[in-house]
PDB file of all heavy atoms in Angstrom:
ATOM      1  N   THR A   1       2.218  -5.515   7.858  1.00  0.00           N
ATOM      2  CA  THR A   1       1.509  -6.046   9.016  1.00  0.00           C
ATOM      3  C   THR A   1       0.047  -5.620   8.994  1.00  0.00           C
ATOM      4  O   THR A   1      -0.344  -4.697   8.272  1.00  0.00           O
ATOM      5  CB  THR A   1       2.142  -5.560  10.326  1.00  0.00           C
ATOM      6  OG1 THR A   1       1.898  -4.145  10.467  1.00  0.00           O
ATOM      7  CG2 THR A   1       3.641  -5.834  10.364  1.00  0.00           C
ATOM      8  N   LYS A   2      -0.736  -6.304   9.785  1.00  0.00           N
ATOM      9  CA  LYS A   2      -2.161  -5.973   9.884  1.00  0.00           C
ATOM     10  C   LYS A   2      -2.347  -4.519  10.310  1.00  0.00           C
ATOM     11  O   LYS A   2      -3.140  -3.773   9.707  1.00  0.00           O
ATOM     12  CB  LYS A   2      -2.831  -6.918  10.874  1.00  0.00           C
ATOM     13  CG  LYS A   2      -4.299  -6.670  11.117  1.00  0.00           C
ATOM     14  CD  LYS A   2      -4.841  -7.703  12.098  1.00  0.00           C
ATOM     15  CE  LYS A   2      -6.309  -7.472  12.427  1.00  0.00           C
ATOM     16  NZ  LYS A   2      -6.834  -8.519  13.329  1.00  0.00           N
ATOM     17  N   ALA A   3      -1.618  -4.098  11.328  1.00  0.00           N
ATOM     18  CA  ALA A   3      -1.760  -2.725  11.829  1.00  0.00           C
ATOM     19  C   ALA A   3      -1.364  -1.715  10.762  1.00  0.00           C
ATOM     20  O   ALA A   3      -2.032  -0.688  10.583  1.00  0.00           O
ATOM     21  CB  ALA A   3      -0.914  -2.536  13.094  1.00  0.00           C
ATOM     22  N   GLU A   4      -0.281  -1.982  10.039  1.00  0.00           N
ATOM     23  CA  GLU A   4       0.171  -1.053   8.991  1.00  0.00           C
ATOM     24  C   GLU A   4      -0.862  -0.937   7.874  1.00  0.00           C
ATOM     25  O   GLU A   4      -1.156   0.160   7.396  1.00  0.00           O
ATOM     26  CB  GLU A   4       1.496  -1.543   8.411  1.00  0.00           C
ATOM     27  CG  GLU A   4       2.686  -1.387   9.343  1.00  0.00           C
ATOM     28  CD  GLU A   4       3.936  -2.068   8.817  1.00  0.00           C
ATOM     29  OE1 GLU A   4       3.822  -2.925   7.907  1.00  0.00           O
ATOM     30  OE2 GLU A   4       5.029  -1.758   9.310  1.00  0.00           O
ATOM     31  N   LEU A   5      -1.408  -2.058   7.466  1.00  0.00           N
ATOM     32  CA  LEU A   5      -2.390  -2.043   6.386  1.00  0.00           C
ATOM     33  C   LEU A   5      -3.653  -1.295   6.793  1.00  0.00           C
ATOM     34  O   LEU A   5      -4.176  -0.469   6.033  1.00  0.00           O
ATOM     35  CB  LEU A   5      -2.730  -3.478   5.981  1.00  0.00           C
ATOM     36  CG  LEU A   5      -1.647  -4.218   5.194  1.00  0.00           C
ATOM     37  CD1 LEU A   5      -1.928  -5.716   5.177  1.00  0.00           C
ATOM     38  CD2 LEU A   5      -1.552  -3.682   3.770  1.00  0.00           C
ATOM     39  N   ILE A   6      -4.153  -1.573   7.991  1.00  0.00           N
ATOM     40  CA  ILE A   6      -5.382  -0.912   8.441  1.00  0.00           C
ATOM     41  C   ILE A   6      -5.160   0.589   8.577  1.00  0.00           C
ATOM     42  O   ILE A   6      -5.987   1.401   8.133  1.00  0.00           O
ATOM     43  CB  ILE A   6      -5.871  -1.524   9.768  1.00  0.00           C
ATOM     44  CG1 ILE A   6      -6.360  -2.954   9.533  1.00  0.00           C
ATOM     45  CG2 ILE A   6      -6.985  -0.671  10.382  1.00  0.00           C
ATOM     46  CD1 ILE A   6      -6.767  -3.688  10.793  1.00  0.00           C
ATOM     47  N   GLU A   7      -4.043   0.968   9.185  1.00  0.00           N
ATOM     48  CA  GLU A   7      -3.766   2.398   9.372  1.00  0.00           C
ATOM     49  C   GLU A   7      -3.665   3.118   8.028  1.00  0.00           C
ATOM     50  O   GLU A   7      -4.248   4.193   7.836  1.00  0.00           O
ATOM     51  CB  GLU A   7      -2.463   2.577  10.150  1.00  0.00           C
ATOM     52  CG  GLU A   7      -2.091   4.037  10.374  1.00  0.00           C
ATOM     53  CD  GLU A   7      -0.754   4.200  11.068  1.00  0.00           C
ATOM     54  OE1 GLU A   7       0.161   3.382  10.811  1.00  0.00           O
ATOM     55  OE2 GLU A   7      -0.617   5.151  11.856  1.00  0.00           O
ATOM     56  N   TYR A   8      -2.961   2.506   7.061  1.00  0.00           N
ATOM     57  CA  TYR A   8      -2.745   3.182   5.788  1.00  0.00           C
ATOM     58  C   TYR A   8      -4.028   3.266   4.967  1.00  0.00           C
ATOM     59  O   TYR A   8      -4.361   4.327   4.422  1.00  0.00           O
ATOM     60  CB  TYR A   8      -1.651   2.467   4.997  1.00  0.00           C
ATOM     61  CG  TYR A   8      -1.268   3.191   3.729  1.00  0.00           C
ATOM     62  CD1 TYR A   8      -0.975   4.554   3.754  1.00  0.00           C
ATOM     63  CD2 TYR A   8      -1.194   2.526   2.509  1.00  0.00           C
ATOM     64  CE1 TYR A   8      -0.621   5.233   2.600  1.00  0.00           C
ATOM     65  CE2 TYR A   8      -0.832   3.202   1.356  1.00  0.00           C
ATOM     66  CZ  TYR A   8      -0.549   4.556   1.403  1.00  0.00           C
ATOM     67  OH  TYR A   8      -0.211   5.229   0.263  1.00  0.00           O
ATOM     68  N   VAL A   9      -4.762   2.171   4.873  1.00  0.00           N
ATOM     69  CA  VAL A   9      -5.993   2.198   4.076  1.00  0.00           C
ATOM     70  C   VAL A   9      -7.026   3.106   4.735  1.00  0.00           C
ATOM     71  O   VAL A   9      -7.788   3.799   4.038  1.00  0.00           O
ATOM     72  CB  VAL A   9      -6.539   0.769   3.882  1.00  0.00           C
ATOM     73  CG1 VAL A   9      -7.890   0.801   3.181  1.00  0.00           C
ATOM     74  CG2 VAL A   9      -5.548  -0.058   3.064  1.00  0.00           C
ATOM     75  N   THR A  10      -7.068   3.139   6.046  1.00  0.00           N
ATOM     76  CA  THR A  10      -7.983   4.058   6.733  1.00  0.00           C
ATOM     77  C   THR A  10      -7.639   5.508   6.400  1.00  0.00           C
ATOM     78  O   THR A  10      -8.531   6.333   6.152  1.00  0.00           O
ATOM     79  CB  THR A  10      -7.929   3.836   8.256  1.00  0.00           C
ATOM     80  OG1 THR A  10      -8.343   2.492   8.546  1.00  0.00           O
ATOM     81  CG2 THR A  10      -8.841   4.811   8.987  1.00  0.00           C
ATOM     82  N   GLU A  11      -6.358   5.825   6.367  1.00  0.00           N
ATOM     83  CA  GLU A  11      -5.939   7.182   5.981  1.00  0.00           C
ATOM     84  C   GLU A  11      -6.398   7.513   4.563  1.00  0.00           C
ATOM     85  O   GLU A  11      -6.928   8.603   4.300  1.00  0.00           O
ATOM     86  CB  GLU A  11      -4.421   7.285   6.071  1.00  0.00           C
ATOM     87  CG  GLU A  11      -3.858   8.618   5.590  1.00  0.00           C
ATOM     88  CD  GLU A  11      -2.345   8.613   5.483  1.00  0.00           C
ATOM     89  OE1 GLU A  11      -1.696   7.813   6.189  1.00  0.00           O
ATOM     90  OE2 GLU A  11      -1.810   9.385   4.671  1.00  0.00           O
ATOM     91  N   LEU A  12      -6.235   6.588   3.641  1.00  0.00           N
ATOM     92  CA  LEU A  12      -6.603   6.832   2.245  1.00  0.00           C
ATOM     93  C   LEU A  12      -8.105   6.975   2.054  1.00  0.00           C
ATOM     94  O   LEU A  12      -8.558   7.722   1.180  1.00  0.00           O
ATOM     95  CB  LEU A  12      -6.097   5.685   1.364  1.00  0.00           C
ATOM     96  CG  LEU A  12      -4.591   5.581   1.141  1.00  0.00           C
ATOM     97  CD1 LEU A  12      -4.257   4.274   0.437  1.00  0.00           C
ATOM     98  CD2 LEU A  12      -4.072   6.761   0.330  1.00  0.00           C
ATOM     99  N   THR A  13      -8.893   6.263   2.867  1.00  0.00           N
ATOM    100  CA  THR A  13     -10.333   6.179   2.615  1.00  0.00           C
ATOM    101  C   THR A  13     -11.196   6.988   3.570  1.00  0.00           C
ATOM    102  O   THR A  13     -12.376   7.210   3.279  1.00  0.00           O
ATOM    103  CB  THR A  13     -10.796   4.710   2.674  1.00  0.00           C
ATOM    104  OG1 THR A  13     -10.542   4.180   3.993  1.00  0.00           O
ATOM    105  CG2 THR A  13     -10.067   3.858   1.648  1.00  0.00           C
ATOM    106  N   GLN A  14     -10.644   7.425   4.687  1.00  0.00           N
ATOM    107  CA  GLN A  14     -11.458   8.125   5.675  1.00  0.00           C
ATOM    108  C   GLN A  14     -11.037   9.568   5.902  1.00  0.00           C
ATOM    109  O   GLN A  14     -11.781  10.349   6.485  1.00  0.00           O
ATOM    110  CB  GLN A  14     -11.425   7.375   7.030  1.00  0.00           C
ATOM    111  CG  GLN A  14     -11.852   5.919   6.934  1.00  0.00           C
ATOM    112  CD  GLN A  14     -13.239   5.729   6.361  1.00  0.00           C
ATOM    113  OE1 GLN A  14     -14.162   6.456   6.711  1.00  0.00           O
ATOM    114  NE2 GLN A  14     -13.400   4.755   5.477  1.00  0.00           N
ATOM    115  N   SER A  15      -9.851   9.950   5.453  1.00  0.00           N
ATOM    116  CA  SER A  15      -9.404  11.341   5.588  1.00  0.00           C
ATOM    117  C   SER A  15      -9.801  12.111   4.331  1.00  0.00           C
ATOM    118  O   SER A  15     -10.449  11.585   3.423  1.00  0.00           O
ATOM    119  CB  SER A  15      -7.887  11.388   5.781  1.00  0.00           C
ATOM    120  OG  SER A  15      -7.224  11.080   4.568  1.00  0.00           O
ATOM    121  N   SER A  16      -9.381  13.361   4.255  1.00  0.00           N
ATOM    122  CA  SER A  16      -9.693  14.174   3.066  1.00  0.00           C
ATOM    123  C   SER A  16      -9.073  13.604   1.799  1.00  0.00           C
ATOM    124  O   SER A  16      -9.476  13.972   0.690  1.00  0.00           O
ATOM    125  CB  SER A  16      -9.206  15.616   3.277  1.00  0.00           C
ATOM    126  OG  SER A  16      -7.789  15.644   3.424  1.00  0.00           O
ATOM    127  N   GLN A  17      -8.104  12.690   1.937  1.00  0.00           N
ATOM    128  CA  GLN A  17      -7.494  12.090   0.752  1.00  0.00           C
ATOM    129  C   GLN A  17      -8.520  11.389  -0.128  1.00  0.00           C
ATOM    130  O   GLN A  17      -8.348  11.299  -1.345  1.00  0.00           O
ATOM    131  CB  GLN A  17      -6.405  11.095   1.157  1.00  0.00           C
ATOM    132  CG  GLN A  17      -5.089  11.749   1.557  1.00  0.00           C
ATOM    133  CD  GLN A  17      -4.028  10.709   1.869  1.00  0.00           C
ATOM    134  OE1 GLN A  17      -3.983  10.174   2.964  1.00  0.00           O
ATOM    135  NE2 GLN A  17      -3.180  10.423   0.911  1.00  0.00           N
ATOM    136  N   LYS A  18      -9.575  10.887   0.460  1.00  0.00           N
ATOM    137  CA  LYS A  18     -10.574  10.153  -0.324  1.00  0.00           C
ATOM    138  C   LYS A  18     -11.224  11.034  -1.383  1.00  0.00           C
ATOM    139  O   LYS A  18     -11.795  10.535  -2.354  1.00  0.00           O
ATOM    140  CB  LYS A  18     -11.652   9.575   0.591  1.00  0.00           C
ATOM    141  CG  LYS A  18     -12.555  10.614   1.240  1.00  0.00           C
ATOM    142  CD  LYS A  18     -13.589   9.972   2.144  1.00  0.00           C
ATOM    143  CE  LYS A  18     -14.499  11.006   2.782  1.00  0.00           C
ATOM    144  NZ  LYS A  18     -15.515  10.399   3.674  1.00  0.00           N
ATOM    145  N   GLU A  19     -11.146  12.353  -1.223  1.00  0.00           N
ATOM    146  CA  GLU A  19     -11.784  13.267  -2.163  1.00  0.00           C
ATOM    147  C   GLU A  19     -10.930  13.547  -3.398  1.00  0.00           C
ATOM    148  O   GLU A  19     -11.451  14.044  -4.401  1.00  0.00           O
ATOM    149  CB  GLU A  19     -12.106  14.600  -1.472  1.00  0.00           C
ATOM    150  CG  GLU A  19     -12.976  14.488  -0.223  1.00  0.00           C
ATOM    151  CD  GLU A  19     -14.391  14.024  -0.522  1.00  0.00           C
ATOM    152  OE1 GLU A  19     -14.760  13.945  -1.712  1.00  0.00           O
ATOM    153  OE2 GLU A  19     -15.132  13.728   0.431  1.00  0.00           O
ATOM    154  N   PHE A  20      -9.622  13.236  -3.340  1.00  0.00           N
ATOM    155  CA  PHE A  20      -8.773  13.629  -4.477  1.00  0.00           C
ATOM    156  C   PHE A  20      -7.693  12.614  -4.827  1.00  0.00           C
ATOM    157  O   PHE A  20      -7.151  12.654  -5.931  1.00  0.00           O
ATOM    158  CB  PHE A  20      -8.097  14.980  -4.188  1.00  0.00           C
ATOM    159  CG  PHE A  20      -7.105  14.952  -3.042  1.00  0.00           C
ATOM    160  CD1 PHE A  20      -5.773  14.680  -3.264  1.00  0.00           C
ATOM    161  CD2 PHE A  20      -7.525  15.217  -1.743  1.00  0.00           C
ATOM    162  CE1 PHE A  20      -4.866  14.653  -2.209  1.00  0.00           C
ATOM    163  CE2 PHE A  20      -6.630  15.195  -0.678  1.00  0.00           C
ATOM    164  CZ  PHE A  20      -5.298  14.914  -0.921  1.00  0.00           C
ATOM    165  N   TYR A  21      -7.385  11.678  -3.928  1.00  0.00           N
ATOM    166  CA  TYR A  21      -6.250  10.768  -4.133  1.00  0.00           C
ATOM    167  C   TYR A  21      -6.790   9.382  -4.462  1.00  0.00           C
ATOM    168  O   TYR A  21      -7.377   8.714  -3.611  1.00  0.00           O
ATOM    169  CB  TYR A  21      -5.393  10.720  -2.864  1.00  0.00           C
ATOM    170  CG  TYR A  21      -4.017  10.139  -3.044  1.00  0.00           C
ATOM    171  CD1 TYR A  21      -2.922  10.973  -3.224  1.00  0.00           C
ATOM    172  CD2 TYR A  21      -3.798   8.767  -3.014  1.00  0.00           C
ATOM    173  CE1 TYR A  21      -1.645  10.453  -3.376  1.00  0.00           C
ATOM    174  CE2 TYR A  21      -2.528   8.240  -3.165  1.00  0.00           C
ATOM    175  CZ  TYR A  21      -1.456   9.081  -3.339  1.00  0.00           C
ATOM    176  OH  TYR A  21      -0.187   8.570  -3.497  1.00  0.00           O
ATOM    177  N   ARG A  22      -6.606   8.955  -5.727  1.00  0.00           N
ATOM    178  CA  ARG A  22      -7.068   7.622  -6.125  1.00  0.00           C
ATOM    179  C   ARG A  22      -5.864   6.681  -6.101  1.00  0.00           C
ATOM    180  O   ARG A  22      -5.026   6.706  -7.007  1.00  0.00           O
ATOM    181  CB  ARG A  22      -7.691   7.650  -7.514  1.00  0.00           C
ATOM    182  CG  ARG A  22      -8.960   8.481  -7.611  1.00  0.00           C
ATOM    183  CD  ARG A  22      -9.704   8.142  -8.897  1.00  0.00           C
ATOM    184  NE  ARG A  22     -10.817   9.054  -9.125  1.00  0.00           N
ATOM    185  CZ  ARG A  22     -10.812  10.055  -9.999  1.00  0.00           C
ATOM    186  NH1 ARG A  22      -9.715  10.273 -10.724  1.00  0.00           N
ATOM    187  NH2 ARG A  22     -11.863  10.818 -10.159  1.00  0.00           N
ATOM    188  N   PRO A  23      -5.773   5.815  -5.108  1.00  0.00           N
ATOM    189  CA  PRO A  23      -4.589   4.954  -4.988  1.00  0.00           C
ATOM    190  C   PRO A  23      -4.570   3.837  -6.020  1.00  0.00           C
ATOM    191  O   PRO A  23      -5.610   3.312  -6.414  1.00  0.00           O
ATOM    192  CB  PRO A  23      -4.725   4.387  -3.570  1.00  0.00           C
ATOM    193  CG  PRO A  23      -6.196   4.431  -3.273  1.00  0.00           C
ATOM    194  CD  PRO A  23      -6.713   5.651  -3.984  1.00  0.00           C
ATOM    195  N   ASN A  24      -3.369   3.483  -6.437  1.00  0.00           N
ATOM    196  CA  ASN A  24      -3.152   2.335  -7.304  1.00  0.00           C
ATOM    197  C   ASN A  24      -2.110   1.466  -6.600  1.00  0.00           C
ATOM    198  O   ASN A  24      -0.969   1.885  -6.424  1.00  0.00           O
ATOM    199  CB  ASN A  24      -2.664   2.776  -8.687  1.00  0.00           C
ATOM    200  CG  ASN A  24      -2.775   1.685  -9.731  1.00  0.00           C
ATOM    201  OD1 ASN A  24      -2.586   0.510  -9.436  1.00  0.00           O
ATOM    202  ND2 ASN A  24      -3.073   2.069 -10.963  1.00  0.00           N
ATOM    203  N   PHE A  25      -2.516   0.273  -6.177  1.00  0.00           N
ATOM    204  CA  PHE A  25      -1.662  -0.593  -5.357  1.00  0.00           C
ATOM    205  C   PHE A  25      -0.855  -1.542  -6.245  1.00  0.00           C
ATOM    206  O   PHE A  25      -1.424  -2.340  -6.987  1.00  0.00           O
ATOM    207  CB  PHE A  25      -2.511  -1.416  -4.388  1.00  0.00           C
ATOM    208  CG  PHE A  25      -2.969  -0.673  -3.163  1.00  0.00           C
ATOM    209  CD1 PHE A  25      -2.759   0.690  -3.016  1.00  0.00           C
ATOM    210  CD2 PHE A  25      -3.620  -1.350  -2.125  1.00  0.00           C
ATOM    211  CE1 PHE A  25      -3.186   1.376  -1.884  1.00  0.00           C
ATOM    212  CE2 PHE A  25      -4.041  -0.677  -0.991  1.00  0.00           C
ATOM    213  CZ  PHE A  25      -3.828   0.683  -0.867  1.00  0.00           C
ATOM    214  N   TRP A  26       0.470  -1.464  -6.129  1.00  0.00           N
ATOM    215  CA  TRP A  26       1.381  -2.324  -6.877  1.00  0.00           C
ATOM    216  C   TRP A  26       2.240  -3.123  -5.894  1.00  0.00           C
ATOM    217  O   TRP A  26       3.010  -2.535  -5.130  1.00  0.00           O
ATOM    218  CB  TRP A  26       2.294  -1.491  -7.776  1.00  0.00           C
ATOM    219  CG  TRP A  26       1.608  -0.890  -8.965  1.00  0.00           C
ATOM    220  CD1 TRP A  26       0.640   0.065  -8.952  1.00  0.00           C
ATOM    221  CD2 TRP A  26       1.835  -1.206 -10.340  1.00  0.00           C
ATOM    222  NE1 TRP A  26       0.237   0.360 -10.226  1.00  0.00           N
ATOM    223  CE2 TRP A  26       0.965  -0.406 -11.108  1.00  0.00           C
ATOM    224  CE3 TRP A  26       2.698  -2.091 -10.997  1.00  0.00           C
ATOM    225  CZ2 TRP A  26       0.933  -0.460 -12.501  1.00  0.00           C
ATOM    226  CZ3 TRP A  26       2.660  -2.140 -12.384  1.00  0.00           C
ATOM    227  CH2 TRP A  26       1.791  -1.337 -13.123  1.00  0.00           C
ATOM    228  N   PRO A  27       2.156  -4.453  -5.908  1.00  0.00           N
ATOM    229  CA  PRO A  27       3.044  -5.250  -5.047  1.00  0.00           C
ATOM    230  C   PRO A  27       4.512  -5.159  -5.452  1.00  0.00           C
ATOM    231  O   PRO A  27       5.399  -5.344  -4.623  1.00  0.00           O
ATOM    232  CB  PRO A  27       2.523  -6.681  -5.221  1.00  0.00           C
ATOM    233  CG  PRO A  27       1.119  -6.533  -5.713  1.00  0.00           C
ATOM    234  CD  PRO A  27       1.130  -5.287  -6.554  1.00  0.00           C
ATOM    235  N   ASN A  28       4.775  -4.916  -6.740  1.00  0.00           N
ATOM    236  CA  ASN A  28       6.159  -4.776  -7.210  1.00  0.00           C
ATOM    237  C   ASN A  28       6.190  -3.861  -8.420  1.00  0.00           C
ATOM    238  O   ASN A  28       5.154  -3.609  -9.052  1.00  0.00           O
ATOM    239  CB  ASN A  28       6.761  -6.134  -7.556  1.00  0.00           C
ATOM    240  CG  ASN A  28       6.236  -6.682  -8.885  1.00  0.00           C
ATOM    241  OD1 ASN A  28       5.075  -6.476  -9.233  1.00  0.00           O
ATOM    242  ND2 ASN A  28       7.078  -7.387  -9.626  1.00  0.00           N
ATOM    243  N   THR A  29       7.358  -3.326  -8.738  1.00  0.00           N
ATOM    244  CA  THR A  29       7.593  -2.562  -9.965  1.00  0.00           C
ATOM    245  C   THR A  29       9.020  -2.885 -10.419  1.00  0.00           C
ATOM    246  O   THR A  29       9.796  -3.476  -9.659  1.00  0.00           O
ATOM    247  CB  THR A  29       7.466  -1.033  -9.752  1.00  0.00           C
ATOM    248  OG1 THR A  29       8.647  -0.554  -9.093  1.00  0.00           O
ATOM    249  CG2 THR A  29       6.229  -0.673  -8.939  1.00  0.00           C
ATOM    250  N   PRO A  30       9.416  -2.493 -11.625  1.00  0.00           N
ATOM    251  CA  PRO A  30      10.817  -2.732 -12.024  1.00  0.00           C
ATOM    252  C   PRO A  30      11.820  -2.065 -11.094  1.00  0.00           C
ATOM    253  O   PRO A  30      12.969  -2.513 -10.998  1.00  0.00           O
ATOM    254  CB  PRO A  30      10.880  -2.133 -13.436  1.00  0.00           C
ATOM    255  CG  PRO A  30       9.491  -2.242 -13.947  1.00  0.00           C
ATOM    256  CD  PRO A  30       8.612  -1.976 -12.754  1.00  0.00           C
ATOM    257  N   ASP A  31      11.395  -1.007 -10.409  1.00  0.00           N
ATOM    258  CA  ASP A  31      12.288  -0.301  -9.487  1.00  0.00           C
ATOM    259  C   ASP A  31      12.252  -0.872  -8.073  1.00  0.00           C
ATOM    260  O   ASP A  31      13.128  -0.554  -7.268  1.00  0.00           O
ATOM    261  CB  ASP A  31      11.896   1.182  -9.410  1.00  0.00           C
ATOM    262  CG  ASP A  31      12.177   1.918 -10.700  1.00  0.00           C
ATOM    263  OD1 ASP A  31      13.328   1.882 -11.154  1.00  0.00           O
ATOM    264  OD2 ASP A  31      11.243   2.524 -11.255  1.00  0.00           O
ATOM    265  N   ILE A  32      11.237  -1.667  -7.760  1.00  0.00           N
ATOM    266  CA  ILE A  32      11.040  -2.092  -6.374  1.00  0.00           C
ATOM    267  C   ILE A  32      10.857  -3.604  -6.311  1.00  0.00           C
ATOM    268  O   ILE A  32       9.846  -4.144  -6.755  1.00  0.00           O
ATOM    269  CB  ILE A  32       9.820  -1.403  -5.734  1.00  0.00           C
ATOM    270  CG1 ILE A  32       9.927   0.115  -5.869  1.00  0.00           C
ATOM    271  CG2 ILE A  32       9.694  -1.796  -4.271  1.00  0.00           C
ATOM    272  CD1 ILE A  32       8.638   0.845  -5.554  1.00  0.00           C
ATOM    273  N   ASN A  33      11.849  -4.266  -5.764  1.00  0.00           N
ATOM    274  CA  ASN A  33      11.803  -5.694  -5.462  1.00  0.00           C
ATOM    275  C   ASN A  33      11.652  -5.805  -3.947  1.00  0.00           C
ATOM    276  O   ASN A  33      12.637  -5.913  -3.220  1.00  0.00           O
ATOM    277  CB  ASN A  33      13.090  -6.368  -5.947  1.00  0.00           C
ATOM    278  CG  ASN A  33      13.130  -7.854  -5.654  1.00  0.00           C
ATOM    279  OD1 ASN A  33      12.112  -8.461  -5.321  1.00  0.00           O
ATOM    280  ND2 ASN A  33      14.315  -8.457  -5.776  1.00  0.00           N
ATOM    281  N   PRO A  34      10.427  -5.745  -3.432  1.00  0.00           N
ATOM    282  CA  PRO A  34      10.230  -5.607  -1.977  1.00  0.00           C
ATOM    283  C   PRO A  34      10.742  -6.810  -1.197  1.00  0.00           C
ATOM    284  O   PRO A  34      10.677  -7.954  -1.675  1.00  0.00           O
ATOM    285  CB  PRO A  34       8.716  -5.446  -1.846  1.00  0.00           C
ATOM    286  CG  PRO A  34       8.150  -6.015  -3.082  1.00  0.00           C
ATOM    287  CD  PRO A  34       9.161  -5.815  -4.159  1.00  0.00           C
ATOM    288  N   PHE A  35      11.235  -6.543   0.004  1.00  0.00           N
ATOM    289  CA  PHE A  35      11.862  -7.586   0.812  1.00  0.00           C
ATOM    290  C   PHE A  35      10.964  -8.801   1.032  1.00  0.00           C
ATOM    291  O   PHE A  35      11.434  -9.939   0.945  1.00  0.00           O
ATOM    292  CB  PHE A  35      12.320  -7.017   2.152  1.00  0.00           C
ATOM    293  CG  PHE A  35      13.418  -5.989   2.018  1.00  0.00           C
ATOM    294  CD1 PHE A  35      13.295  -4.739   2.594  1.00  0.00           C
ATOM    295  CD2 PHE A  35      14.580  -6.273   1.300  1.00  0.00           C
ATOM    296  CE1 PHE A  35      14.298  -3.786   2.469  1.00  0.00           C
ATOM    297  CE2 PHE A  35      15.591  -5.331   1.165  1.00  0.00           C
ATOM    298  CZ  PHE A  35      15.449  -4.079   1.753  1.00  0.00           C
ATOM    299  N   PRO A  36       9.657  -8.650   1.325  1.00  0.00           N
ATOM    300  CA  PRO A  36       8.838  -9.846   1.561  1.00  0.00           C
ATOM    301  C   PRO A  36       8.752 -10.778   0.356  1.00  0.00           C
ATOM    302  O   PRO A  36       8.520 -11.981   0.518  1.00  0.00           O
ATOM    303  CB  PRO A  36       7.454  -9.266   1.893  1.00  0.00           C
ATOM    304  CG  PRO A  36       7.724  -7.902   2.418  1.00  0.00           C
ATOM    305  CD  PRO A  36       8.891  -7.416   1.610  1.00  0.00           C
ATOM    306  N   LEU A  37       8.929 -10.244  -0.863  1.00  0.00           N
ATOM    307  CA  LEU A  37       8.846 -11.081  -2.058  1.00  0.00           C
ATOM    308  C   LEU A  37      10.183 -11.710  -2.427  1.00  0.00           C
ATOM    309  O   LEU A  37      10.228 -12.641  -3.240  1.00  0.00           O
ATOM    310  CB  LEU A  37       8.315 -10.278  -3.240  1.00  0.00           C
ATOM    311  CG  LEU A  37       6.884  -9.741  -3.135  1.00  0.00           C
ATOM    312  CD1 LEU A  37       6.474  -9.063  -4.437  1.00  0.00           C
ATOM    313  CD2 LEU A  37       5.897 -10.853  -2.789  1.00  0.00           C
ATOM    314  N   GLN A  38      11.285 -11.202  -1.865  1.00  0.00           N
ATOM    315  CA  GLN A  38      12.601 -11.736  -2.203  1.00  0.00           C
ATOM    316  C   GLN A  38      12.725 -13.157  -1.651  1.00  0.00           C
ATOM    317  O   GLN A  38      12.752 -13.367  -0.449  1.00  0.00           O
ATOM    318  CB  GLN A  38      13.702 -10.836  -1.647  1.00  0.00           C
ATOM    319  CG  GLN A  38      13.752  -9.478  -2.321  1.00  0.00           C
ATOM    320  CD  GLN A  38      14.848  -8.577  -1.779  1.00  0.00           C
ATOM    321  OE1 GLN A  38      15.748  -9.024  -1.063  1.00  0.00           O
ATOM    322  NE2 GLN A  38      14.785  -7.291  -2.128  1.00  0.00           N
ATOM    323  N   GLY A  39      12.762 -14.115  -2.570  1.00  0.00           N
ATOM    324  CA  GLY A  39      12.773 -15.516  -2.153  1.00  0.00           C
ATOM    325  C   GLY A  39      11.432 -15.988  -1.640  1.00  0.00           C
ATOM    326  O   GLY A  39      11.327 -17.078  -1.074  1.00  0.00           O
ATOM    327  N   GLY A  40      10.399 -15.179  -1.852  1.00  0.00           N
ATOM    328  CA  GLY A  40       9.084 -15.492  -1.305  1.00  0.00           C
ATOM    329  C   GLY A  40       8.412 -16.657  -2.010  1.00  0.00           C
ATOM    330  O   GLY A  40       8.568 -16.854  -3.210  1.00  0.00           O
ATOM    331  N   ASN A  41       7.624 -17.405  -1.237  1.00  0.00           N
ATOM    332  CA  ASN A  41       6.920 -18.547  -1.797  1.00  0.00           C
ATOM    333  C   ASN A  41       5.648 -18.101  -2.520  1.00  0.00           C
ATOM    334  O   ASN A  41       5.329 -16.910  -2.588  1.00  0.00           O
ATOM    335  CB  ASN A  41       6.612 -19.578  -0.703  1.00  0.00           C
ATOM    336  CG  ASN A  41       5.738 -18.995   0.414  1.00  0.00           C
ATOM    337  OD1 ASN A  41       5.087 -17.963   0.238  1.00  0.00           O
ATOM    338  ND2 ASN A  41       5.727 -19.653   1.559  1.00  0.00           N
TER     339      ASN A  41
END
């Protein structure tokens, strides 16, 4: 959701995490078939 995305990216980029945590965003992996993509258009 919009709120979830804003809250999470704000945490990654505005808290102390920005100094040491370099995020790598993956929509899927072999281990993760996320619910929104299951049957997704």
